[in-house]
Amino acid sequence: MHEVVVFLGPSCDRETARAILDADYRPPAKRGDITRAAEDGARIIGLIDGVFFQDCAVAHREVLAALRAGVRVVGASSMGALRAAELDSLGMEGVGEIYRAYREGRLVADDEVALLFDPETFIPLSEPLVNIRATIQQALEYNVIGADAARGLLEAARGLYFPDRTYDAVVEAAEGKADPEDLARFLAFAGEHAVDRKREDALLALEYIGDIRGKH
């Protein structure tokens, strides 16, 4: 039995994850899974991905029970970032930009990190808003689009239901709110340079867990 259990789905592929951290990788966590991991003997639990709306989400109390039992619980990227922002004062450890954004109140809604994914392969079928935000910001910084287009695109993205968010859908929803040439440039930019903030944070969390395991 691994002393490290990591709940991972669409935020990062398993092959990449295993190259960074040897662990017992389990599918996105739902209610009860943290409790089971602790009962299975995990000393460190990495909560990266979890279910949001299709099942009961990870409960605060099961994280707190694991912490009380001496298990280190690290959160990042998705459901893990949300729970860590809520529970870090009680001992959960948060890692990455998304966690910090929730912690500081720059992100508030759960649907910032929610996405639709294939339940068999965990391949993302929609784009989480937190990634779209970062890609819009990068396009703005690189002068691919202007400030008006950035505002129009973000407004369009926020207005879409989370499973419907793709770059094509966002650009389509932004038509009439921004210069068509800006929209076309943004779509091309997103195709080549989309920012995957969730993946970046998942990788940071795996490295962090590897470091703390080394000190255990």
N, C-alpha and C. Protein backbone atom coordinates (compact mmCIF):
# COMPACT_ATOMS: atom_id res chain seq x y z
N MET A 1 0.85 -1.20 0.00
CA MET A 1 0.00 0.00 0.00
C MET A 1 0.88 1.25 0.00
N HIS A 2 0.58 2.16 -0.92
CA HIS A 2 1.32 3.42 -0.96
C HIS A 2 0.96 4.27 0.25
N GLU A 3 1.95 4.95 0.76
CA GLU A 3 1.64 5.91 1.84
C GLU A 3 1.13 7.23 1.26
N VAL A 4 1.22 7.37 -0.07
CA VAL A 4 0.73 8.59 -0.72
C VAL A 4 -0.41 8.22 -1.68
N VAL A 5 -1.56 8.85 -1.48
CA VAL A 5 -2.72 8.68 -2.36
C VAL A 5 -3.01 10.02 -3.00
N VAL A 6 -3.18 10.03 -4.32
CA VAL A 6 -3.46 11.28 -5.04
C VAL A 6 -4.72 11.10 -5.88
N PHE A 7 -5.66 12.02 -5.71
CA PHE A 7 -6.89 12.01 -6.51
C PHE A 7 -6.67 12.93 -7.70
N LEU A 8 -6.62 12.30 -8.88
CA LEU A 8 -6.21 13.02 -10.09
C LEU A 8 -7.07 12.59 -11.27
N GLY A 9 -7.53 13.58 -12.04
CA GLY A 9 -8.33 13.28 -13.23
C GLY A 9 -7.91 14.16 -14.38
N PRO A 10 -8.77 15.10 -14.79
CA PRO A 10 -8.47 15.89 -15.99
C PRO A 10 -7.37 16.94 -15.84
N SER A 11 -6.95 17.25 -14.62
CA SER A 11 -5.95 18.32 -14.46
C SER A 11 -4.58 17.93 -15.01
N CYS A 12 -4.27 16.64 -15.01
CA CYS A 12 -2.96 16.19 -15.51
C CYS A 12 -3.04 14.72 -15.85
N ASP A 13 -2.38 14.32 -16.92
CA ASP A 13 -2.41 12.90 -17.29
C ASP A 13 -1.55 12.08 -16.33
N ARG A 14 -1.93 10.82 -16.16
CA ARG A 14 -1.26 9.94 -15.18
C ARG A 14 0.20 9.70 -15.51
N GLU A 15 0.50 9.58 -16.80
CA GLU A 15 1.89 9.27 -17.20
C GLU A 15 2.83 10.38 -16.73
N THR A 16 2.44 11.62 -16.97
CA THR A 16 3.25 12.76 -16.52
C THR A 16 3.35 12.77 -15.00
N ALA A 17 2.20 12.52 -14.35
CA ALA A 17 2.17 12.54 -12.88
C ALA A 17 3.10 11.49 -12.29
N ARG A 18 3.06 10.29 -12.83
CA ARG A 18 3.89 9.19 -12.29
C ARG A 18 5.38 9.47 -12.46
N ALA A 19 5.73 10.21 -13.52
CA ALA A 19 7.14 10.54 -13.73
C ALA A 19 7.64 11.50 -12.64
N ILE A 20 6.72 12.24 -12.03
CA ILE A 20 7.09 13.19 -10.97
C ILE A 20 6.98 12.55 -9.60
N LEU A 21 5.91 11.76 -9.39
CA LEU A 21 5.62 11.24 -8.06
C LEU A 21 5.07 9.82 -8.15
N ASP A 22 5.72 8.91 -7.45
CA ASP A 22 5.21 7.54 -7.34
C ASP A 22 4.13 7.54 -6.25
N ALA A 23 2.90 7.23 -6.63
CA ALA A 23 1.80 7.29 -5.67
C ALA A 23 0.68 6.35 -6.12
N ASP A 24 -0.28 6.17 -5.24
CA ASP A 24 -1.50 5.44 -5.56
C ASP A 24 -2.46 6.47 -6.16
N TYR A 25 -2.57 6.49 -7.49
CA TYR A 25 -3.43 7.47 -8.16
C TYR A 25 -4.85 6.94 -8.25
N ARG A 26 -5.79 7.75 -7.80
CA ARG A 26 -7.20 7.38 -7.82
C ARG A 26 -7.99 8.42 -8.61
N PRO A 27 -9.18 8.05 -9.10
CA PRO A 27 -9.99 9.00 -9.89
C PRO A 27 -10.43 10.19 -9.06
N PRO A 28 -10.98 11.23 -9.72
CA PRO A 28 -11.44 12.41 -8.99
C PRO A 28 -12.27 12.04 -7.76
N ALA A 29 -11.97 12.69 -6.66
CA ALA A 29 -12.56 12.31 -5.37
C ALA A 29 -14.02 12.72 -5.28
N LYS A 30 -14.81 11.82 -4.68
CA LYS A 30 -16.17 12.18 -4.31
C LYS A 30 -16.31 11.97 -2.80
N ARG A 31 -17.47 12.27 -2.27
CA ARG A 31 -17.64 12.18 -0.82
C ARG A 31 -17.29 10.78 -0.31
N GLY A 32 -16.51 10.73 0.74
CA GLY A 32 -16.12 9.46 1.34
C GLY A 32 -14.76 8.95 0.90
N ASP A 33 -14.25 9.46 -0.24
CA ASP A 33 -12.98 8.94 -0.76
C ASP A 33 -11.78 9.34 0.09
N ILE A 34 -11.80 10.53 0.69
CA ILE A 34 -10.70 10.95 1.56
C ILE A 34 -10.66 10.06 2.79
N THR A 35 -11.85 9.80 3.35
CA THR A 35 -11.96 8.90 4.52
C THR A 35 -11.39 7.53 4.18
N ARG A 36 -11.77 6.99 3.00
CA ARG A 36 -11.27 5.66 2.61
C ARG A 36 -9.76 5.65 2.45
N ALA A 37 -9.22 6.70 1.84
CA ALA A 37 -7.76 6.77 1.65
C ALA A 37 -7.04 6.77 3.00
N ALA A 38 -7.57 7.53 3.95
CA ALA A 38 -6.97 7.57 5.30
C ALA A 38 -7.07 6.20 5.96
N GLU A 39 -8.22 5.55 5.80
CA GLU A 39 -8.42 4.21 6.39
C GLU A 39 -7.49 3.18 5.74
N ASP A 40 -7.16 3.42 4.46
CA ASP A 40 -6.26 2.50 3.75
C ASP A 40 -4.81 2.67 4.16
N GLY A 41 -4.54 3.67 5.00
CA GLY A 41 -3.18 3.83 5.52
C GLY A 41 -2.37 4.95 4.89
N ALA A 42 -3.02 5.79 4.09
CA ALA A 42 -2.28 6.91 3.47
C ALA A 42 -1.76 7.85 4.56
N ARG A 43 -0.53 8.28 4.41
CA ARG A 43 0.05 9.27 5.33
C ARG A 43 0.00 10.67 4.71
N ILE A 44 -0.04 10.72 3.37
CA ILE A 44 -0.19 11.99 2.64
C ILE A 44 -1.27 11.78 1.58
N ILE A 45 -2.24 12.68 1.55
CA ILE A 45 -3.29 12.63 0.53
C ILE A 45 -3.20 13.88 -0.32
N GLY A 46 -3.10 13.70 -1.62
CA GLY A 46 -3.12 14.83 -2.55
C GLY A 46 -4.50 14.92 -3.17
N LEU A 47 -5.19 16.00 -2.89
CA LEU A 47 -6.50 16.22 -3.49
C LEU A 47 -6.32 17.25 -4.62
N ILE A 48 -6.38 16.77 -5.83
CA ILE A 48 -6.27 17.66 -6.99
C ILE A 48 -7.65 17.76 -7.65
N ASP A 49 -8.12 16.66 -8.21
CA ASP A 49 -9.43 16.68 -8.86
C ASP A 49 -10.49 16.01 -8.00
N GLY A 50 -11.68 16.55 -8.09
CA GLY A 50 -12.83 15.97 -7.39
C GLY A 50 -14.08 16.24 -8.19
N VAL A 51 -15.13 15.49 -7.91
CA VAL A 51 -16.39 15.72 -8.61
C VAL A 51 -17.07 16.95 -8.01
N PHE A 52 -17.80 17.66 -8.85
CA PHE A 52 -18.49 18.87 -8.39
C PHE A 52 -19.99 18.65 -8.36
N PHE A 53 -20.58 18.47 -9.53
CA PHE A 53 -22.02 18.51 -9.62
C PHE A 53 -22.63 17.16 -9.94
N GLN A 54 -21.81 16.23 -10.46
CA GLN A 54 -22.39 14.95 -10.86
C GLN A 54 -22.47 13.97 -9.70
N ASP A 55 -21.93 14.30 -8.55
CA ASP A 55 -21.93 13.41 -7.40
C ASP A 55 -21.76 14.27 -6.15
N CYS A 56 -21.77 13.65 -4.99
CA CYS A 56 -21.54 14.43 -3.76
C CYS A 56 -20.06 14.80 -3.66
N ALA A 57 -19.79 16.07 -3.49
CA ALA A 57 -18.40 16.54 -3.42
C ALA A 57 -17.76 16.16 -2.09
N VAL A 58 -16.43 16.20 -2.08
CA VAL A 58 -15.65 15.92 -0.87
C VAL A 58 -16.14 16.83 0.26
N ALA A 59 -16.42 16.24 1.41
CA ALA A 59 -16.93 17.01 2.56
C ALA A 59 -15.78 17.59 3.36
N HIS A 60 -16.02 18.78 3.92
CA HIS A 60 -15.00 19.40 4.77
C HIS A 60 -14.67 18.49 5.95
N ARG A 61 -15.69 17.87 6.51
CA ARG A 61 -15.47 17.09 7.74
C ARG A 61 -14.56 15.88 7.51
N GLU A 62 -14.59 15.30 6.29
CA GLU A 62 -13.72 14.14 6.07
C GLU A 62 -12.26 14.57 5.94
N VAL A 63 -12.04 15.77 5.38
CA VAL A 63 -10.68 16.31 5.33
C VAL A 63 -10.19 16.58 6.75
N LEU A 64 -11.04 17.21 7.56
CA LEU A 64 -10.66 17.53 8.94
C LEU A 64 -10.40 16.27 9.75
N ALA A 65 -11.20 15.22 9.53
CA ALA A 65 -10.99 13.96 10.24
C ALA A 65 -9.64 13.34 9.87
N ALA A 66 -9.29 13.42 8.58
CA ALA A 66 -7.99 12.90 8.13
C ALA A 66 -6.85 13.69 8.77
N LEU A 67 -6.99 15.02 8.82
CA LEU A 67 -5.97 15.86 9.45
C LEU A 67 -5.81 15.51 10.93
N ARG A 68 -6.95 15.31 11.60
CA ARG A 68 -6.89 14.95 13.04
C ARG A 68 -6.21 13.61 13.26
N ALA A 69 -6.33 12.74 12.27
CA ALA A 69 -5.70 11.41 12.37
C ALA A 69 -4.21 11.46 12.01
N GLY A 70 -3.69 12.68 11.73
CA GLY A 70 -2.26 12.82 11.45
C GLY A 70 -1.88 12.69 9.99
N VAL A 71 -2.88 12.66 9.11
CA VAL A 71 -2.60 12.57 7.67
C VAL A 71 -2.38 13.99 7.14
N ARG A 72 -1.38 14.15 6.30
CA ARG A 72 -1.19 15.46 5.65
C ARG A 72 -2.05 15.48 4.39
N VAL A 73 -2.84 16.53 4.25
CA VAL A 73 -3.72 16.65 3.08
C VAL A 73 -3.32 17.90 2.31
N VAL A 74 -2.92 17.67 1.05
CA VAL A 74 -2.44 18.75 0.18
C VAL A 74 -3.48 18.97 -0.92
N GLY A 75 -3.83 20.22 -1.15
CA GLY A 75 -4.82 20.53 -2.19
C GLY A 75 -4.29 21.50 -3.21
N ALA A 76 -4.72 21.32 -4.47
CA ALA A 76 -4.30 22.22 -5.55
C ALA A 76 -5.21 22.07 -6.74
N SER A 77 -5.15 23.05 -7.65
CA SER A 77 -5.62 22.96 -9.02
C SER A 77 -7.13 23.05 -9.21
N SER A 78 -7.87 22.20 -8.53
CA SER A 78 -9.30 22.11 -8.80
C SER A 78 -10.06 22.04 -7.49
N MET A 79 -10.78 20.93 -7.25
CA MET A 79 -11.45 20.77 -5.95
C MET A 79 -10.45 20.92 -4.80
N GLY A 80 -9.23 20.46 -5.02
CA GLY A 80 -8.20 20.57 -3.98
C GLY A 80 -7.88 22.01 -3.62
N ALA A 81 -7.85 22.88 -4.63
CA ALA A 81 -7.58 24.31 -4.38
C ALA A 81 -8.71 24.94 -3.58
N LEU A 82 -9.94 24.59 -3.94
CA LEU A 82 -11.11 25.10 -3.22
C LEU A 82 -11.09 24.71 -1.76
N ARG A 83 -10.93 23.40 -1.52
CA ARG A 83 -10.96 22.92 -0.13
C ARG A 83 -9.77 23.45 0.67
N ALA A 84 -8.61 23.55 0.05
CA ALA A 84 -7.44 24.07 0.76
C ALA A 84 -7.64 25.52 1.16
N ALA A 85 -8.26 26.31 0.28
CA ALA A 85 -8.51 27.72 0.61
C ALA A 85 -9.47 27.85 1.79
N GLU A 86 -10.38 26.89 1.89
CA GLU A 86 -11.36 26.91 2.99
C GLU A 86 -10.79 26.35 4.30
N LEU A 87 -9.83 25.44 4.18
CA LEU A 87 -9.40 24.67 5.36
C LEU A 87 -7.93 24.85 5.71
N ASP A 88 -7.21 25.76 5.05
CA ASP A 88 -5.77 25.87 5.34
C ASP A 88 -5.50 26.35 6.76
N SER A 89 -6.42 27.13 7.31
CA SER A 89 -6.22 27.59 8.70
C SER A 89 -6.38 26.44 9.70
N LEU A 90 -6.93 25.33 9.20
CA LEU A 90 -7.15 24.15 10.06
C LEU A 90 -6.17 23.02 9.75
N GLY A 91 -5.20 23.31 8.86
CA GLY A 91 -4.13 22.33 8.65
C GLY A 91 -4.00 21.77 7.26
N MET A 92 -5.00 21.98 6.39
CA MET A 92 -4.83 21.51 5.01
C MET A 92 -3.80 22.40 4.33
N GLU A 93 -2.99 21.82 3.44
CA GLU A 93 -1.91 22.55 2.78
C GLU A 93 -2.29 22.85 1.33
N GLY A 94 -2.26 24.11 0.96
CA GLY A 94 -2.60 24.51 -0.41
C GLY A 94 -1.36 24.85 -1.21
N VAL A 95 -1.42 24.55 -2.50
CA VAL A 95 -0.28 24.80 -3.40
C VAL A 95 -0.80 25.44 -4.68
N GLY A 96 -0.08 26.43 -5.20
CA GLY A 96 -0.35 26.93 -6.55
C GLY A 96 -1.16 28.21 -6.62
N GLU A 97 -1.23 28.73 -7.83
CA GLU A 97 -1.86 30.02 -8.12
C GLU A 97 -3.37 29.98 -7.89
N ILE A 98 -4.03 28.89 -8.28
CA ILE A 98 -5.49 28.81 -8.15
C ILE A 98 -5.88 28.79 -6.67
N TYR A 99 -5.15 28.02 -5.89
CA TYR A 99 -5.37 28.01 -4.43
C TYR A 99 -5.23 29.42 -3.87
N ARG A 100 -4.15 30.12 -4.25
CA ARG A 100 -3.92 31.47 -3.72
C ARG A 100 -5.03 32.43 -4.14
N ALA A 101 -5.52 32.28 -5.38
CA ALA A 101 -6.59 33.17 -5.87
C ALA A 101 -7.88 32.96 -5.07
N TYR A 102 -8.18 31.72 -4.73
CA TYR A 102 -9.36 31.47 -3.87
C TYR A 102 -9.10 31.98 -2.46
N ARG A 103 -7.91 31.74 -1.97
CA ARG A 103 -7.55 32.14 -0.61
C ARG A 103 -7.68 33.66 -0.43
N GLU A 104 -7.28 34.39 -1.47
CA GLU A 104 -7.29 35.86 -1.40
C GLU A 104 -8.61 36.47 -1.86
N GLY A 105 -9.55 35.61 -2.28
CA GLY A 105 -10.85 36.11 -2.71
C GLY A 105 -10.88 36.65 -4.13
N ARG A 106 -9.79 36.43 -4.89
CA ARG A 106 -9.79 36.87 -6.30
C ARG A 106 -10.67 35.94 -7.14
N LEU A 107 -10.77 34.70 -6.73
CA LEU A 107 -11.74 33.76 -7.31
C LEU A 107 -12.71 33.38 -6.20
N VAL A 108 -13.98 33.23 -6.58
CA VAL A 108 -14.99 32.92 -5.57
C VAL A 108 -15.81 31.68 -5.97
N ALA A 109 -16.28 31.66 -7.21
CA ALA A 109 -17.23 30.61 -7.62
C ALA A 109 -16.55 29.26 -7.86
N ASP A 110 -17.26 28.19 -7.48
CA ASP A 110 -16.78 26.82 -7.75
C ASP A 110 -16.59 26.58 -9.24
N ASP A 111 -17.45 27.21 -10.06
CA ASP A 111 -17.41 26.87 -11.49
C ASP A 111 -16.19 27.43 -12.20
N GLU A 112 -15.34 28.19 -11.49
CA GLU A 112 -14.07 28.64 -12.08
C GLU A 112 -13.20 27.44 -12.48
N VAL A 113 -13.27 26.37 -11.70
CA VAL A 113 -12.40 25.21 -11.94
C VAL A 113 -13.15 23.99 -12.47
N ALA A 114 -14.48 24.10 -12.56
CA ALA A 114 -15.27 22.96 -13.02
C ALA A 114 -15.15 22.79 -14.53
N LEU A 115 -15.21 21.55 -14.98
CA LEU A 115 -15.20 21.26 -16.41
C LEU A 115 -15.87 19.93 -16.65
N LEU A 116 -16.18 19.69 -17.90
CA LEU A 116 -16.75 18.40 -18.30
C LEU A 116 -15.58 17.52 -18.74
N PHE A 117 -15.58 16.25 -18.30
CA PHE A 117 -14.51 15.36 -18.75
C PHE A 117 -15.04 13.96 -19.01
N ASP A 118 -14.31 13.23 -19.83
CA ASP A 118 -14.68 11.85 -20.14
C ASP A 118 -14.45 11.00 -18.89
N PRO A 119 -15.50 10.31 -18.39
CA PRO A 119 -15.35 9.56 -17.14
C PRO A 119 -14.42 8.35 -17.24
N GLU A 120 -14.16 7.89 -18.47
CA GLU A 120 -13.26 6.74 -18.65
C GLU A 120 -11.80 7.17 -18.75
N THR A 121 -11.55 8.20 -19.56
CA THR A 121 -10.17 8.60 -19.84
C THR A 121 -9.74 9.84 -19.05
N PHE A 122 -10.71 10.54 -18.47
CA PHE A 122 -10.50 11.83 -17.77
C PHE A 122 -10.04 12.95 -18.70
N ILE A 123 -10.15 12.74 -20.01
CA ILE A 123 -9.76 13.80 -20.95
C ILE A 123 -10.78 14.95 -20.84
N PRO A 124 -10.31 16.19 -20.68
CA PRO A 124 -11.24 17.33 -20.58
C PRO A 124 -12.04 17.52 -21.87
N LEU A 125 -13.33 17.78 -21.72
CA LEU A 125 -14.20 18.04 -22.87
C LEU A 125 -14.65 19.50 -22.90
N SER A 126 -14.34 20.23 -21.85
CA SER A 126 -14.60 21.67 -21.84
C SER A 126 -13.41 22.35 -21.17
N GLU A 127 -13.40 23.66 -21.21
CA GLU A 127 -12.25 24.41 -20.69
C GLU A 127 -12.67 25.11 -19.40
N PRO A 128 -11.93 24.90 -18.30
CA PRO A 128 -12.31 25.59 -17.07
C PRO A 128 -12.09 27.10 -17.18
N LEU A 129 -12.96 27.85 -16.54
CA LEU A 129 -12.91 29.31 -16.62
C LEU A 129 -11.57 29.86 -16.15
N VAL A 130 -10.98 29.22 -15.15
CA VAL A 130 -9.70 29.71 -14.63
C VAL A 130 -8.61 29.67 -15.72
N ASN A 131 -8.66 28.68 -16.60
CA ASN A 131 -7.71 28.61 -17.72
C ASN A 131 -8.04 29.65 -18.78
N ILE A 132 -9.33 29.84 -19.05
CA ILE A 132 -9.74 30.83 -20.05
C ILE A 132 -9.31 32.23 -19.59
N ARG A 133 -9.52 32.53 -18.32
CA ARG A 133 -9.09 33.82 -17.75
C ARG A 133 -7.60 34.05 -18.00
N ALA A 134 -6.80 33.02 -17.68
CA ALA A 134 -5.34 33.15 -17.81
C ALA A 134 -4.93 33.33 -19.26
N THR A 135 -5.63 32.64 -20.17
CA THR A 135 -5.32 32.76 -21.61
C THR A 135 -5.70 34.14 -22.13
N ILE A 136 -6.85 34.67 -21.70
CA ILE A 136 -7.26 36.03 -22.09
C ILE A 136 -6.23 37.04 -21.58
N GLN A 137 -5.81 36.87 -20.34
CA GLN A 137 -4.83 37.80 -19.75
C GLN A 137 -3.51 37.76 -20.53
N GLN A 138 -3.09 36.56 -20.91
CA GLN A 138 -1.83 36.44 -21.65
C GLN A 138 -1.96 37.07 -23.04
N ALA A 139 -3.11 36.85 -23.67
CA ALA A 139 -3.33 37.45 -25.00
C ALA A 139 -3.31 38.98 -24.92
N LEU A 140 -3.85 39.49 -23.82
CA LEU A 140 -3.84 40.94 -23.59
C LEU A 140 -2.41 41.45 -23.39
N GLU A 141 -1.65 40.73 -22.56
CA GLU A 141 -0.27 41.14 -22.28
C GLU A 141 0.62 41.07 -23.53
N TYR A 142 0.31 40.13 -24.42
CA TYR A 142 1.10 39.99 -25.65
C TYR A 142 0.56 40.88 -26.78
N ASN A 143 -0.41 41.75 -26.44
CA ASN A 143 -1.01 42.67 -27.43
C ASN A 143 -1.67 41.95 -28.60
N VAL A 144 -2.15 40.74 -28.35
CA VAL A 144 -2.91 40.00 -29.37
C VAL A 144 -4.31 40.60 -29.47
N ILE A 145 -4.84 41.01 -28.32
CA ILE A 145 -6.17 41.63 -28.26
C ILE A 145 -6.08 42.90 -27.40
N GLY A 146 -7.10 43.73 -27.52
CA GLY A 146 -7.18 44.94 -26.71
C GLY A 146 -8.01 44.71 -25.46
N ALA A 147 -8.06 45.73 -24.62
CA ALA A 147 -8.76 45.61 -23.33
C ALA A 147 -10.26 45.38 -23.52
N ASP A 148 -10.86 46.01 -24.54
CA ASP A 148 -12.30 45.82 -24.78
C ASP A 148 -12.60 44.37 -25.14
N ALA A 149 -11.77 43.80 -26.00
CA ALA A 149 -11.97 42.39 -26.39
C ALA A 149 -11.77 41.47 -25.19
N ALA A 150 -10.78 41.78 -24.37
CA ALA A 150 -10.53 40.95 -23.18
C ALA A 150 -11.76 40.95 -22.27
N ARG A 151 -12.34 42.14 -22.07
CA ARG A 151 -13.55 42.22 -21.22
C ARG A 151 -14.72 41.47 -21.85
N GLY A 152 -14.88 41.65 -23.16
CA GLY A 152 -15.97 40.97 -23.87
C GLY A 152 -15.84 39.46 -23.83
N LEU A 153 -14.62 38.97 -24.01
CA LEU A 153 -14.38 37.52 -23.98
C LEU A 153 -14.62 36.95 -22.59
N LEU A 154 -14.16 37.64 -21.56
CA LEU A 154 -14.35 37.14 -20.20
C LEU A 154 -15.83 37.13 -19.83
N GLU A 155 -16.52 38.19 -20.20
CA GLU A 155 -17.96 38.26 -19.94
C GLU A 155 -18.69 37.12 -20.65
N ALA A 156 -18.30 36.86 -21.90
CA ALA A 156 -18.90 35.77 -22.67
C ALA A 156 -18.62 34.42 -22.01
N ALA A 157 -17.39 34.22 -21.58
CA ALA A 157 -17.01 32.95 -20.94
C ALA A 157 -17.79 32.73 -19.65
N ARG A 158 -17.91 33.78 -18.86
CA ARG A 158 -18.63 33.66 -17.59
C ARG A 158 -20.10 33.36 -17.81
N GLY A 159 -20.63 33.85 -18.93
CA GLY A 159 -22.05 33.66 -19.22
C GLY A 159 -22.40 32.25 -19.70
N LEU A 160 -21.39 31.47 -20.07
CA LEU A 160 -21.65 30.10 -20.54
C LEU A 160 -21.71 29.13 -19.35
N TYR A 161 -22.57 28.13 -19.45
CA TYR A 161 -22.62 27.06 -18.44
C TYR A 161 -21.32 26.26 -18.56
N PHE A 162 -20.76 25.81 -17.42
CA PHE A 162 -19.39 25.28 -17.44
C PHE A 162 -19.14 24.16 -18.44
N PRO A 163 -20.09 23.21 -18.70
CA PRO A 163 -19.77 22.16 -19.67
C PRO A 163 -19.68 22.67 -21.10
N ASP A 164 -20.23 23.88 -21.33
CA ASP A 164 -20.26 24.43 -22.69
C ASP A 164 -19.06 25.31 -23.00
N ARG A 165 -18.17 25.50 -22.02
CA ARG A 165 -17.05 26.42 -22.23
C ARG A 165 -15.93 25.76 -23.04
N THR A 166 -15.80 26.21 -24.27
CA THR A 166 -14.63 25.87 -25.10
C THR A 166 -14.20 27.21 -25.71
N TYR A 167 -12.99 27.26 -26.24
CA TYR A 167 -12.55 28.53 -26.82
C TYR A 167 -13.43 28.93 -28.01
N ASP A 168 -13.84 27.96 -28.81
CA ASP A 168 -14.74 28.27 -29.94
C ASP A 168 -16.05 28.87 -29.44
N ALA A 169 -16.61 28.26 -28.40
CA ALA A 169 -17.90 28.72 -27.87
C ALA A 169 -17.78 30.11 -27.25
N VAL A 170 -16.66 30.36 -26.58
CA VAL A 170 -16.44 31.67 -25.95
C VAL A 170 -16.35 32.76 -27.02
N VAL A 171 -15.59 32.49 -28.07
CA VAL A 171 -15.44 33.47 -29.15
C VAL A 171 -16.79 33.72 -29.83
N GLU A 172 -17.54 32.65 -30.04
CA GLU A 172 -18.86 32.79 -30.66
C GLU A 172 -19.78 33.64 -29.77
N ALA A 173 -19.74 33.39 -28.46
CA ALA A 173 -20.58 34.13 -27.52
C ALA A 173 -20.15 35.60 -27.40
N ALA A 174 -18.90 35.88 -27.75
CA ALA A 174 -18.39 37.25 -27.64
C ALA A 174 -18.64 38.08 -28.91
N GLU A 175 -19.19 37.44 -29.94
CA GLU A 175 -19.46 38.18 -31.19
C GLU A 175 -20.43 39.33 -30.90
N GLY A 176 -20.08 40.49 -31.40
CA GLY A 176 -20.90 41.66 -31.14
C GLY A 176 -20.44 42.43 -29.91
N LYS A 177 -19.61 41.79 -29.08
CA LYS A 177 -19.09 42.46 -27.88
C LYS A 177 -17.64 42.90 -28.07
N ALA A 178 -17.05 42.49 -29.17
CA ALA A 178 -15.63 42.80 -29.40
C ALA A 178 -15.36 42.84 -30.90
N ASP A 179 -14.26 43.48 -31.25
CA ASP A 179 -13.85 43.59 -32.64
C ASP A 179 -13.65 42.19 -33.24
N PRO A 180 -14.27 41.90 -34.40
CA PRO A 180 -14.15 40.56 -35.00
C PRO A 180 -12.70 40.14 -35.26
N GLU A 181 -11.84 41.10 -35.60
CA GLU A 181 -10.43 40.76 -35.85
C GLU A 181 -9.74 40.35 -34.55
N ASP A 182 -10.07 41.04 -33.46
CA ASP A 182 -9.53 40.65 -32.14
C ASP A 182 -9.98 39.23 -31.79
N LEU A 183 -11.24 38.94 -32.05
CA LEU A 183 -11.76 37.61 -31.72
C LEU A 183 -11.05 36.53 -32.53
N ALA A 184 -10.85 36.80 -33.79
CA ALA A 184 -10.16 35.83 -34.66
C ALA A 184 -8.72 35.62 -34.19
N ARG A 185 -8.06 36.73 -33.82
CA ARG A 185 -6.67 36.62 -33.33
C ARG A 185 -6.63 35.84 -32.01
N PHE A 186 -7.62 36.10 -31.14
CA PHE A 186 -7.65 35.39 -29.86
C PHE A 186 -7.83 33.89 -30.07
N LEU A 187 -8.72 33.51 -30.96
CA LEU A 187 -8.97 32.09 -31.19
C LEU A 187 -7.70 31.40 -31.71
N ALA A 188 -7.00 32.07 -32.61
CA ALA A 188 -5.74 31.50 -33.12
C ALA A 188 -4.71 31.40 -31.98
N PHE A 189 -4.64 32.43 -31.16
CA PHE A 189 -3.70 32.45 -30.02
C PHE A 189 -4.02 31.31 -29.05
N ALA A 190 -5.31 31.13 -28.74
CA ALA A 190 -5.72 30.08 -27.80
C ALA A 190 -5.39 28.69 -28.35
N GLY A 191 -5.49 28.55 -29.68
CA GLY A 191 -5.15 27.26 -30.30
C GLY A 191 -3.69 26.89 -30.12
N GLU A 192 -2.83 27.91 -30.06
CA GLU A 192 -1.39 27.67 -29.98
C GLU A 192 -0.84 27.83 -28.56
N HIS A 193 -1.40 28.78 -27.81
CA HIS A 193 -0.75 29.20 -26.56
C HIS A 193 -1.69 29.20 -25.35
N ALA A 194 -2.75 28.41 -25.39
CA ALA A 194 -3.69 28.40 -24.26
C ALA A 194 -2.94 28.08 -22.97
N VAL A 195 -3.27 28.81 -21.92
CA VAL A 195 -2.64 28.59 -20.61
C VAL A 195 -3.43 27.50 -19.87
N ASP A 196 -2.72 26.51 -19.36
CA ASP A 196 -3.38 25.45 -18.58
C ASP A 196 -2.96 25.60 -17.12
N ARG A 197 -3.60 26.54 -16.44
CA ARG A 197 -3.25 26.86 -15.07
C ARG A 197 -3.48 25.66 -14.15
N LYS A 198 -4.53 24.89 -14.43
CA LYS A 198 -4.83 23.74 -13.57
C LYS A 198 -3.71 22.69 -13.65
N ARG A 199 -3.23 22.46 -14.85
CA ARG A 199 -2.13 21.50 -15.01
C ARG A 199 -0.87 22.00 -14.31
N GLU A 200 -0.56 23.28 -14.50
CA GLU A 200 0.63 23.86 -13.85
C GLU A 200 0.57 23.64 -12.33
N ASP A 201 -0.60 23.91 -11.75
CA ASP A 201 -0.74 23.78 -10.30
C ASP A 201 -0.72 22.32 -9.86
N ALA A 202 -1.27 21.44 -10.68
CA ALA A 202 -1.23 20.01 -10.36
C ALA A 202 0.22 19.52 -10.30
N LEU A 203 1.04 19.96 -11.26
CA LEU A 203 2.45 19.56 -11.29
C LEU A 203 3.20 20.10 -10.06
N LEU A 204 2.89 21.34 -9.69
CA LEU A 204 3.51 21.92 -8.48
C LEU A 204 3.15 21.11 -7.24
N ALA A 205 1.88 20.68 -7.17
CA ALA A 205 1.43 19.91 -6.01
C ALA A 205 2.13 18.56 -5.93
N LEU A 206 2.32 17.91 -7.08
CA LEU A 206 3.00 16.61 -7.09
C LEU A 206 4.46 16.76 -6.64
N GLU A 207 5.10 17.84 -7.09
CA GLU A 207 6.49 18.09 -6.66
C GLU A 207 6.54 18.37 -5.16
N TYR A 208 5.57 19.14 -4.68
CA TYR A 208 5.50 19.48 -3.25
C TYR A 208 5.32 18.21 -2.41
N ILE A 209 4.42 17.33 -2.85
CA ILE A 209 4.18 16.08 -2.11
C ILE A 209 5.45 15.23 -2.11
N GLY A 210 6.14 15.20 -3.25
CA GLY A 210 7.40 14.45 -3.30
C GLY A 210 8.42 14.98 -2.29
N ASP A 211 8.46 16.31 -2.17
CA ASP A 211 9.38 16.93 -1.21
C ASP A 211 9.02 16.57 0.22
N ILE A 212 7.73 16.67 0.57
CA ILE A 212 7.36 16.42 1.97
C ILE A 212 7.45 14.93 2.30
N ARG A 213 7.22 14.08 1.30
CA ARG A 213 7.37 12.65 1.57
C ARG A 213 8.84 12.34 1.88
N GLY A 214 9.74 13.01 1.18
CA GLY A 214 11.16 12.80 1.44
C GLY A 214 11.56 13.16 2.85
N LYS A 215 10.79 14.07 3.48
CA LYS A 215 11.11 14.50 4.84
C LYS A 215 10.38 13.69 5.90
N HIS A 216 9.47 12.86 5.47
CA HIS A 216 8.70 12.05 6.43
C HIS A 216 9.58 10.98 7.07
